[in-house]
Amino acid sequence: MSTKVAMQIFRHDFGEKFMEKLEQFAIIHKYDDRKDFKDAWNKWTEQDSIQSLIHQEINQLQNSGYKGD
């Protein structure tokens, strides 16, 4: 006898402000090599304005019931 476990599926669309910033970052760094891209990404994600947007995205996910990483 098999039992099926229902899996909840989450689909998240990033907010407009975050997408704008992400697209700008991607355009600026599209020709970076892997190391330079990673360094730039780490610096970018540490900016207060970007951290704020990231936390808004996390809060939106959590408020919709997502409990993952």
Protein backbone atom coordinates (compact mmCIF):
# COMPACT_ATOMS: atom_id res chain seq x y z
CA MET A 1 0.00 0.00 0.00
CA SER A 2 1.47 3.33 -0.99
CA THR A 3 0.66 6.62 0.60
CA LYS A 4 0.89 9.87 -1.22
CA VAL A 5 2.22 12.88 0.57
CA ALA A 6 0.82 16.18 -0.57
CA MET A 7 3.53 18.65 -1.34
CA GLN A 8 2.72 22.33 -1.23
CA ILE A 9 4.17 24.21 -4.17
CA PHE A 10 5.25 27.83 -3.89
CA ARG A 11 5.76 30.18 -6.78
CA HIS A 12 7.27 33.52 -5.98
CA ASP A 13 7.54 36.50 -8.29
CA PHE A 14 10.06 39.04 -7.06
CA GLY A 15 8.76 42.51 -6.33
CA GLU A 16 9.10 45.19 -9.00
CA LYS A 17 11.72 47.24 -7.11
CA PHE A 18 13.89 44.21 -6.43
CA MET A 19 13.65 43.09 -10.06
CA GLU A 20 14.70 46.53 -11.28
CA LYS A 21 17.78 46.48 -9.05
CA LEU A 22 18.59 42.88 -9.98
CA GLU A 23 18.31 43.64 -13.68
CA GLN A 24 20.61 46.66 -13.28
CA PHE A 25 23.15 44.50 -11.46
CA ALA A 26 22.95 41.81 -14.14
CA ILE A 27 23.49 44.30 -16.97
CA ILE A 28 26.50 45.89 -15.27
CA HIS A 29 28.14 42.56 -14.47
CA LYS A 30 27.14 40.40 -17.44
CA TYR A 31 30.71 40.19 -18.74
CA ASP A 32 32.41 39.65 -15.37
CA ASP A 33 34.35 36.47 -14.85
CA ARG A 34 33.09 34.16 -12.13
CA LYS A 35 35.30 35.53 -9.33
CA ASP A 36 34.59 39.19 -10.13
CA PHE A 37 30.87 38.47 -10.41
CA LYS A 38 30.83 36.73 -7.03
CA ASP A 39 32.75 39.57 -5.39
CA ALA A 40 30.40 42.14 -6.90
CA TRP A 41 27.36 40.06 -5.86
CA ASN A 42 28.55 39.86 -2.26
CA LYS A 43 29.15 43.62 -2.12
CA TRP A 44 25.81 44.32 -3.81
CA THR A 45 23.82 42.14 -1.41
CA GLU A 46 25.50 43.81 1.59
CA GLN A 47 24.22 47.28 0.63
CA ASP A 48 21.58 48.57 3.05
CA SER A 49 19.12 49.37 0.26
CA ILE A 50 19.46 45.89 -1.25
CA GLN A 51 19.32 44.20 2.17
CA SER A 52 16.03 46.00 2.77
CA LEU A 53 14.60 44.69 -0.50
CA ILE A 54 15.84 41.16 0.21
CA HIS A 55 14.18 41.21 3.63
CA GLN A 56 10.93 42.39 2.05
CA GLU A 57 11.06 39.41 -0.31
CA ILE A 58 11.77 37.02 2.59
CA ASN A 59 8.90 38.47 4.61
CA GLN A 60 6.53 38.12 1.67
CA LEU A 61 7.49 34.44 1.29
CA GLN A 62 7.09 33.77 5.00
CA ASN A 63 3.75 35.57 5.12
CA SER A 64 2.51 33.32 2.33
CA GLY A 65 3.39 30.25 4.41
CA TYR A 66 6.81 29.31 3.03
CA LYS A 67 9.04 27.84 5.72
CA GLY A 68 12.07 26.74 3.66
CA ASP A 69 15.47 28.18 2.96
